[in-house]
Amino acid sequence: VAGLPELVAARMKPASPGEAATTMEFVLEALHQNSLIGKDFAESATSYSDMMGSMLSSLGSIEDDDDVDPEDDDFYRGRR
């Protein structure tokens, strides 16, 4: 995760690489527990993801939707 090692180093001052890794895992788990990131389990690994970004990217954009004409729909008129 970009910026996570720097955040941990600046805030916690870990005494060893193992302590830094444990603290980074703790931060990720706290974000997951507060529903700010997603957590996926595999057979031998755990991965974290951006839940909101995943949900929003699956929606696409109104320009990609052939059934919707943004010019004719009041809902889309103020949202472009």
PDB file of N, CA and C in Angstrom:
ATOM      1  N   VAL A   1       0.861  -1.175   0.000  1.00  0.00           N
ATOM      2  CA  VAL A   1       0.000   0.000   0.000  1.00  0.00           C
ATOM      3  C   VAL A   1       0.902   1.232   0.000  1.00  0.00           C
ATOM      4  N   ALA A   2       0.711   2.065  -1.004  1.00  0.00           N
ATOM      5  CA  ALA A   2       1.534   3.264  -1.120  1.00  0.00           C
ATOM      6  C   ALA A   2       1.365   4.160   0.101  1.00  0.00           C
ATOM      7  N   GLY A   3       2.471   4.571   0.680  1.00  0.00           N
ATOM      8  CA  GLY A   3       2.453   5.494   1.807  1.00  0.00           C
ATOM      9  C   GLY A   3       2.335   4.842   3.174  1.00  0.00           C
ATOM     10  N   LEU A   4       1.959   3.573   3.222  1.00  0.00           N
ATOM     11  CA  LEU A   4       1.785   2.907   4.510  1.00  0.00           C
ATOM     12  C   LEU A   4       3.093   2.765   5.283  1.00  0.00           C
ATOM     13  N   PRO A   5       4.190   2.339   4.673  1.00  0.00           N
ATOM     14  CA  PRO A   5       5.446   2.259   5.438  1.00  0.00           C
ATOM     15  C   PRO A   5       5.878   3.614   6.003  1.00  0.00           C
ATOM     16  N   GLU A   6       5.697   4.677   5.227  1.00  0.00           N
ATOM     17  CA  GLU A   6       6.072   6.011   5.696  1.00  0.00           C
ATOM     18  C   GLU A   6       5.179   6.472   6.848  1.00  0.00           C
ATOM     19  N   LEU A   7       3.894   6.163   6.762  1.00  0.00           N
ATOM     20  CA  LEU A   7       2.959   6.510   7.827  1.00  0.00           C
ATOM     21  C   LEU A   7       3.353   5.817   9.131  1.00  0.00           C
ATOM     22  N   VAL A   8       3.626   4.530   9.047  1.00  0.00           N
ATOM     23  CA  VAL A   8       3.998   3.763  10.239  1.00  0.00           C
ATOM     24  C   VAL A   8       5.319   4.261  10.805  1.00  0.00           C
ATOM     25  N   ALA A   9       6.289   4.511   9.937  1.00  0.00           N
ATOM     26  CA  ALA A   9       7.593   4.980  10.408  1.00  0.00           C
ATOM     27  C   ALA A   9       7.488   6.336  11.095  1.00  0.00           C
ATOM     28  N   ALA A  10       6.649   7.209  10.567  1.00  0.00           N
ATOM     29  CA  ALA A  10       6.513   8.553  11.135  1.00  0.00           C
ATOM     30  C   ALA A  10       5.730   8.565  12.439  1.00  0.00           C
ATOM     31  N   ARG A  11       4.718   7.734  12.543  1.00  0.00           N
ATOM     32  CA  ARG A  11       3.829   7.765  13.711  1.00  0.00           C
ATOM     33  C   ARG A  11       4.253   6.833  14.835  1.00  0.00           C
ATOM     34  N   MET A  12       4.822   5.690  14.498  1.00  0.00           N
ATOM     35  CA  MET A  12       5.068   4.658  15.512  1.00  0.00           C
ATOM     36  C   MET A  12       6.538   4.481  15.883  1.00  0.00           C
ATOM     37  N   LYS A  13       7.438   4.867  15.019  1.00  0.00           N
ATOM     38  CA  LYS A  13       8.875   4.681  15.247  1.00  0.00           C
ATOM     39  C   LYS A  13       9.193   3.220  15.596  1.00  0.00           C
ATOM     40  N   PRO A  14       8.896   2.272  14.682  1.00  0.00           N
ATOM     41  CA  PRO A  14       9.144   0.851  14.976  1.00  0.00           C
ATOM     42  C   PRO A  14      10.616   0.566  15.208  1.00  0.00           C
ATOM     43  N   ALA A  15      10.890  -0.338  16.149  1.00  0.00           N
ATOM     44  CA  ALA A  15      12.270  -0.676  16.521  1.00  0.00           C
ATOM     45  C   ALA A  15      12.893  -1.692  15.582  1.00  0.00           C
ATOM     46  N   SER A  16      12.091  -2.406  14.811  1.00  0.00           N
ATOM     47  CA  SER A  16      12.627  -3.435  13.914  1.00  0.00           C
ATOM     48  C   SER A  16      11.724  -3.567  12.695  1.00  0.00           C
ATOM     49  N   PRO A  17      12.240  -4.194  11.635  1.00  0.00           N
ATOM     50  CA  PRO A  17      11.390  -4.425  10.457  1.00  0.00           C
ATOM     51  C   PRO A  17      10.158  -5.281  10.790  1.00  0.00           C
ATOM     52  N   GLY A  18      10.320  -6.229  11.696  1.00  0.00           N
ATOM     53  CA  GLY A  18       9.189  -7.057  12.102  1.00  0.00           C
ATOM     54  C   GLY A  18       8.110  -6.252  12.806  1.00  0.00           C
ATOM     55  N   GLU A  19       8.523  -5.328  13.635  1.00  0.00           N
ATOM     56  CA  GLU A  19       7.567  -4.457  14.327  1.00  0.00           C
ATOM     57  C   GLU A  19       6.859  -3.535  13.333  1.00  0.00           C
ATOM     58  N   ALA A  20       7.593  -3.068  12.337  1.00  0.00           N
ATOM     59  CA  ALA A  20       6.984  -2.220  11.301  1.00  0.00           C
ATOM     60  C   ALA A  20       5.945  -3.011  10.509  1.00  0.00           C
ATOM     61  N   ALA A  21       6.272  -4.254  10.146  1.00  0.00           N
ATOM     62  CA  ALA A  21       5.339  -5.094   9.387  1.00  0.00           C
ATOM     63  C   ALA A  21       4.087  -5.393  10.207  1.00  0.00           C
ATOM     64  N   THR A  22       4.259  -5.682  11.483  1.00  0.00           N
ATOM     65  CA  THR A  22       3.120  -5.954  12.361  1.00  0.00           C
ATOM     66  C   THR A  22       2.235  -4.726  12.496  1.00  0.00           C
ATOM     67  N   THR A  23       2.847  -3.568  12.613  1.00  0.00           N
ATOM     68  CA  THR A  23       2.084  -2.327  12.742  1.00  0.00           C
ATOM     69  C   THR A  23       1.324  -2.021  11.456  1.00  0.00           C
ATOM     70  N   MET A  24       1.951  -2.255  10.293  1.00  0.00           N
ATOM     71  CA  MET A  24       1.256  -2.031   9.027  1.00  0.00           C
ATOM     72  C   MET A  24       0.055  -2.969   8.908  1.00  0.00           C
ATOM     73  N   GLU A  25       0.220  -4.215   9.316  1.00  0.00           N
ATOM     74  CA  GLU A  25      -0.893  -5.165   9.292  1.00  0.00           C
ATOM     75  C   GLU A  25      -2.007  -4.704  10.229  1.00  0.00           C
ATOM     76  N   PHE A  26      -1.655  -4.182  11.377  1.00  0.00           N
ATOM     77  CA  PHE A  26      -2.634  -3.668  12.330  1.00  0.00           C
ATOM     78  C   PHE A  26      -3.421  -2.496  11.729  1.00  0.00           C
ATOM     79  N   VAL A  27      -2.728  -1.596  11.050  1.00  0.00           N
ATOM     80  CA  VAL A  27      -3.388  -0.451  10.416  1.00  0.00           C
ATOM     81  C   VAL A  27      -4.368  -0.935   9.342  1.00  0.00           C
ATOM     82  N   LEU A  28      -3.933  -1.888   8.512  1.00  0.00           N
ATOM     83  CA  LEU A  28      -4.814  -2.414   7.475  1.00  0.00           C
ATOM     84  C   LEU A  28      -6.038  -3.096   8.082  1.00  0.00           C
ATOM     85  N   GLU A  29      -5.835  -3.867   9.129  1.00  0.00           N
ATOM     86  CA  GLU A  29      -6.961  -4.547   9.779  1.00  0.00           C
ATOM     87  C   GLU A  29      -7.925  -3.538  10.405  1.00  0.00           C
ATOM     88  N   ALA A  30      -7.399  -2.479  10.990  1.00  0.00           N
ATOM     89  CA  ALA A  30      -8.267  -1.439  11.559  1.00  0.00           C
ATOM     90  C   ALA A  30      -9.102  -0.773  10.472  1.00  0.00           C
ATOM     91  N   LEU A  31      -8.498  -0.509   9.327  1.00  0.00           N
ATOM     92  CA  LEU A  31      -9.242   0.076   8.209  1.00  0.00           C
ATOM     93  C   LEU A  31     -10.332  -0.885   7.729  1.00  0.00           C
ATOM     94  N   HIS A  32     -10.005  -2.168   7.694  1.00  0.00           N
ATOM     95  CA  HIS A  32     -10.994  -3.166   7.296  1.00  0.00           C
ATOM     96  C   HIS A  32     -12.137  -3.247   8.311  1.00  0.00           C
ATOM     97  N   GLN A  33     -11.826  -3.274   9.576  1.00  0.00           N
ATOM     98  CA  GLN A  33     -12.843  -3.388  10.619  1.00  0.00           C
ATOM     99  C   GLN A  33     -13.788  -2.182  10.627  1.00  0.00           C
ATOM    100  N   ASN A  34     -13.316  -1.061  10.139  1.00  0.00           N
ATOM    101  CA  ASN A  34     -14.152   0.139  10.051  1.00  0.00           C
ATOM    102  C   ASN A  34     -14.749   0.313   8.656  1.00  0.00           C
ATOM    103  N   SER A  35     -14.708  -0.753   7.866  1.00  0.00           N
ATOM    104  CA  SER A  35     -15.306  -0.796   6.518  1.00  0.00           C
ATOM    105  C   SER A  35     -14.756   0.268   5.576  1.00  0.00           C
ATOM    106  N   LEU A  36     -13.494   0.591   5.729  1.00  0.00           N
ATOM    107  CA  LEU A  36     -12.865   1.567   4.832  1.00  0.00           C
ATOM    108  C   LEU A  36     -12.106   0.885   3.700  1.00  0.00           C
ATOM    109  N   ILE A  37     -11.739  -0.383   3.884  1.00  0.00           N
ATOM    110  CA  ILE A  37     -11.121  -1.178   2.832  1.00  0.00           C
ATOM    111  C   ILE A  37     -11.700  -2.584   2.905  1.00  0.00           C
ATOM    112  N   GLY A  38     -11.606  -3.309   1.796  1.00  0.00           N
ATOM    113  CA  GLY A  38     -12.077  -4.680   1.751  1.00  0.00           C
ATOM    114  C   GLY A  38     -10.948  -5.638   2.077  1.00  0.00           C
ATOM    115  N   LYS A  39     -11.309  -6.845   2.477  1.00  0.00           N
ATOM    116  CA  LYS A  39     -10.325  -7.868   2.810  1.00  0.00           C
ATOM    117  C   LYS A  39     -10.747  -9.161   2.140  1.00  0.00           C
ATOM    118  N   ASP A  40      -9.833  -9.757   1.375  1.00  0.00           N
ATOM    119  CA  ASP A  40     -10.105 -11.001   0.667  1.00  0.00           C
ATOM    120  C   ASP A  40      -9.140 -12.072   1.143  1.00  0.00           C
ATOM    121  N   PHE A  41      -9.675 -13.269   1.340  1.00  0.00           N
ATOM    122  CA  PHE A  41      -8.860 -14.394   1.801  1.00  0.00           C
ATOM    123  C   PHE A  41      -8.630 -15.363   0.648  1.00  0.00           C
ATOM    124  N   ALA A  42      -7.399 -15.811   0.496  1.00  0.00           N
ATOM    125  CA  ALA A  42      -7.051 -16.865  -0.452  1.00  0.00           C
ATOM    126  C   ALA A  42      -6.495 -18.033   0.369  1.00  0.00           C
ATOM    127  N   GLU A  43      -6.080 -19.090  -0.287  1.00  0.00           N
ATOM    128  CA  GLU A  43      -5.583 -20.258   0.438  1.00  0.00           C
ATOM    129  C   GLU A  43      -4.396 -19.932   1.340  1.00  0.00           C
ATOM    130  N   SER A  44      -3.463 -19.160   0.820  1.00  0.00           N
ATOM    131  CA  SER A  44      -2.249 -18.902   1.597  1.00  0.00           C
ATOM    132  C   SER A  44      -1.945 -17.415   1.773  1.00  0.00           C
ATOM    133  N   ALA A  45      -2.905 -16.561   1.429  1.00  0.00           N
ATOM    134  CA  ALA A  45      -2.640 -15.122   1.517  1.00  0.00           C
ATOM    135  C   ALA A  45      -3.919 -14.350   1.801  1.00  0.00           C
ATOM    136  N   THR A  46      -3.730 -13.157   2.292  1.00  0.00           N
ATOM    137  CA  THR A  46      -4.820 -12.216   2.510  1.00  0.00           C
ATOM    138  C   THR A  46      -4.494 -10.961   1.729  1.00  0.00           C
ATOM    139  N   SER A  47      -5.493 -10.405   1.055  1.00  0.00           N
ATOM    140  CA  SER A  47      -5.250  -9.159   0.327  1.00  0.00           C
ATOM    141  C   SER A  47      -6.322  -8.142   0.717  1.00  0.00           C
ATOM    142  N   TYR A  48      -5.952  -6.888   0.617  1.00  0.00           N
ATOM    143  CA  TYR A  48      -6.854  -5.782   0.941  1.00  0.00           C
ATOM    144  C   TYR A  48      -7.144  -5.011  -0.338  1.00  0.00           C
ATOM    145  N   SER A  49      -8.341  -4.400  -0.406  1.00  0.00           N
ATOM    146  CA  SER A  49      -8.707  -3.665  -1.611  1.00  0.00           C
ATOM    147  C   SER A  49      -9.531  -2.428  -1.251  1.00  0.00           C
ATOM    148  N   ASP A  50      -9.618  -1.539  -2.203  1.00  0.00           N
ATOM    149  CA  ASP A  50     -10.405  -0.317  -2.067  1.00  0.00           C
ATOM    150  C   ASP A  50     -11.856  -0.657  -2.385  1.00  0.00           C
ATOM    151  N   MET A  51     -12.690  -0.822  -1.357  1.00  0.00           N
ATOM    152  CA  MET A  51     -14.084  -1.227  -1.566  1.00  0.00           C
ATOM    153  C   MET A  51     -14.855  -0.206  -2.387  1.00  0.00           C
ATOM    154  N   MET A  52     -14.769   1.044  -2.032  1.00  0.00           N
ATOM    155  CA  MET A  52     -15.540   2.078  -2.720  1.00  0.00           C
ATOM    156  C   MET A  52     -15.086   2.215  -4.169  1.00  0.00           C
ATOM    157  N   GLY A  53     -13.789   2.197  -4.383  1.00  0.00           N
ATOM    158  CA  GLY A  53     -13.283   2.285  -5.755  1.00  0.00           C
ATOM    159  C   GLY A  53     -13.739   1.119  -6.600  1.00  0.00           C
ATOM    160  N   SER A  54     -13.778  -0.075  -6.026  1.00  0.00           N
ATOM    161  CA  SER A  54     -14.248  -1.250  -6.755  1.00  0.00           C
ATOM    162  C   SER A  54     -15.717  -1.127  -7.109  1.00  0.00           C
ATOM    163  N   MET A  55     -16.515  -0.665  -6.162  1.00  0.00           N
ATOM    164  CA  MET A  55     -17.951  -0.522  -6.420  1.00  0.00           C
ATOM    165  C   MET A  55     -18.218   0.532  -7.486  1.00  0.00           C
ATOM    166  N   LEU A  56     -17.543   1.668  -7.368  1.00  0.00           N
ATOM    167  CA  LEU A  56     -17.790   2.758  -8.314  1.00  0.00           C
ATOM    168  C   LEU A  56     -17.281   2.430  -9.708  1.00  0.00           C
ATOM    169  N   SER A  57     -16.155   1.741  -9.811  1.00  0.00           N
ATOM    170  CA  SER A  57     -15.627   1.425 -11.134  1.00  0.00           C
ATOM    171  C   SER A  57     -16.519   0.432 -11.866  1.00  0.00           C
ATOM    172  N   SER A  58     -17.252  -0.409 -11.126  1.00  0.00           N
ATOM    173  CA  SER A  58     -18.142  -1.363 -11.778  1.00  0.00           C
ATOM    174  C   SER A  58     -19.392  -0.686 -12.335  1.00  0.00           C
ATOM    175  N   LEU A  59     -19.688   0.531 -11.906  1.00  0.00           N
ATOM    176  CA  LEU A  59     -20.866   1.238 -12.397  1.00  0.00           C
ATOM    177  C   LEU A  59     -20.660   1.822 -13.783  1.00  0.00           C
ATOM    178  N   GLY A  60     -19.409   2.096 -14.139  1.00  0.00           N
ATOM    179  CA  GLY A  60     -19.131   2.698 -15.435  1.00  0.00           C
ATOM    180  C   GLY A  60     -19.547   4.157 -15.445  1.00  0.00           C
ATOM    181  N   SER A  61     -19.762   4.700 -16.623  1.00  0.00           N
ATOM    182  CA  SER A  61     -20.205   6.084 -16.745  1.00  0.00           C
ATOM    183  C   SER A  61     -21.447   6.145 -17.616  1.00  0.00           C
ATOM    184  N   ILE A  62     -22.163   7.247 -17.552  1.00  0.00           N
ATOM    185  CA  ILE A  62     -23.401   7.360 -18.337  1.00  0.00           C
ATOM    186  C   ILE A  62     -23.100   7.393 -19.831  1.00  0.00           C
ATOM    187  N   GLU A  63     -21.904   7.813 -20.216  1.00  0.00           N
ATOM    188  CA  GLU A  63     -21.551   7.823 -21.627  1.00  0.00           C
ATOM    189  C   GLU A  63     -21.443   6.413 -22.178  1.00  0.00           C
ATOM    190  N   ASP A  64     -21.152   5.429 -21.295  1.00  0.00           N
ATOM    191  CA  ASP A  64     -21.020   4.037 -21.719  1.00  0.00           C
ATOM    192  C   ASP A  64     -22.366   3.333 -21.844  1.00  0.00           C
ATOM    193  N   ASP A  65     -23.437   3.943 -21.373  1.00  0.00           N
ATOM    194  CA  ASP A  65     -24.749   3.301 -21.348  1.00  0.00           C
ATOM    195  C   ASP A  65     -25.540   3.705 -22.587  1.00  0.00           C
ATOM    196  N   ASP A  66     -25.777   2.741 -23.482  1.00  0.00           N
ATOM    197  CA  ASP A  66     -26.486   3.032 -24.733  1.00  0.00           C
ATOM    198  C   ASP A  66     -27.969   3.299 -24.514  1.00  0.00           C
ATOM    199  N   ASP A  67     -28.529   2.820 -23.381  1.00  0.00           N
ATOM    200  CA  ASP A  67     -29.963   2.977 -23.121  1.00  0.00           C
ATOM    201  C   ASP A  67     -30.324   4.330 -22.533  1.00  0.00           C
ATOM    202  N   VAL A  68     -29.343   5.108 -22.121  1.00  0.00           N
ATOM    203  CA  VAL A  68     -29.618   6.375 -21.445  1.00  0.00           C
ATOM    204  C   VAL A  68     -29.132   7.521 -22.316  1.00  0.00           C
ATOM    205  N   ASP A  69     -30.024   8.470 -22.559  1.00  0.00           N
ATOM    206  CA  ASP A  69     -29.646   9.689 -23.263  1.00  0.00           C
ATOM    207  C   ASP A  69     -29.581  10.809 -22.233  1.00  0.00           C
ATOM    208  N   PRO A  70     -28.380  11.195 -21.794  1.00  0.00           N
ATOM    209  CA  PRO A  70     -28.245  12.208 -20.746  1.00  0.00           C
ATOM    210  C   PRO A  70     -28.902  13.531 -21.092  1.00  0.00           C
ATOM    211  N   GLU A  71     -29.057  13.854 -22.364  1.00  0.00           N
ATOM    212  CA  GLU A  71     -29.678  15.115 -22.760  1.00  0.00           C
ATOM    213  C   GLU A  71     -31.174  15.122 -22.459  1.00  0.00           C
ATOM    214  N   ASP A  72     -31.808  13.953 -22.468  1.00  0.00           N
ATOM    215  CA  ASP A  72     -33.261  13.861 -22.273  1.00  0.00           C
ATOM    216  C   ASP A  72     -33.663  13.557 -20.836  1.00  0.00           C
ATOM    217  N   ASP A  73     -32.747  13.267 -19.973  1.00  0.00           N
ATOM    218  CA  ASP A  73     -33.085  12.812 -18.631  1.00  0.00           C
ATOM    219  C   ASP A  73     -32.694  13.867 -17.598  1.00  0.00           C
ATOM    220  N   ASP A  74     -33.687  14.390 -16.860  1.00  0.00           N
ATOM    221  CA  ASP A  74     -33.431  15.422 -15.850  1.00  0.00           C
ATOM    222  C   ASP A  74     -32.459  14.951 -14.771  1.00  0.00           C
ATOM    223  N   PHE A  75     -32.469  13.668 -14.455  1.00  0.00           N
ATOM    224  CA  PHE A  75     -31.577  13.144 -13.426  1.00  0.00           C
ATOM    225  C   PHE A  75     -30.107  13.382 -13.795  1.00  0.00           C
ATOM    226  N   TYR A  76     -29.762  13.143 -15.061  1.00  0.00           N
ATOM    227  CA  TYR A  76     -28.374  13.263 -15.483  1.00  0.00           C
ATOM    228  C   TYR A  76     -27.967  14.687 -15.846  1.00  0.00           C
ATOM    229  N   ARG A  77     -28.940  15.549 -16.124  1.00  0.00           N
ATOM    230  CA  ARG A  77     -28.649  16.880 -16.616  1.00  0.00           C
ATOM    231  C   ARG A  77     -27.700  17.650 -15.700  1.00  0.00           C
ATOM    232  N   GLY A  78     -27.908  17.639 -14.393  1.00  0.00           N
ATOM    233  CA  GLY A  78     -27.058  18.388 -13.470  1.00  0.00           C
ATOM    234  C   GLY A  78     -25.858  17.642 -12.957  1.00  0.00           C
ATOM    235  N   ARG A  79     -25.608  16.446 -13.459  1.00  0.00           N
ATOM    236  CA  ARG A  79     -24.553  15.598 -12.909  1.00  0.00           C
ATOM    237  C   ARG A  79     -23.426  15.317 -13.886  1.00  0.00           C
ATOM    238  N   ARG A  80     -23.265  16.106 -14.923  1.00  0.00           N
ATOM    239  CA  ARG A  80     -22.172  15.875 -15.850  1.00  0.00           C
ATOM    240  C   ARG A  80     -21.081  16.856 -15.658  1.00  0.00           C
TER     241      ARG A  80
END
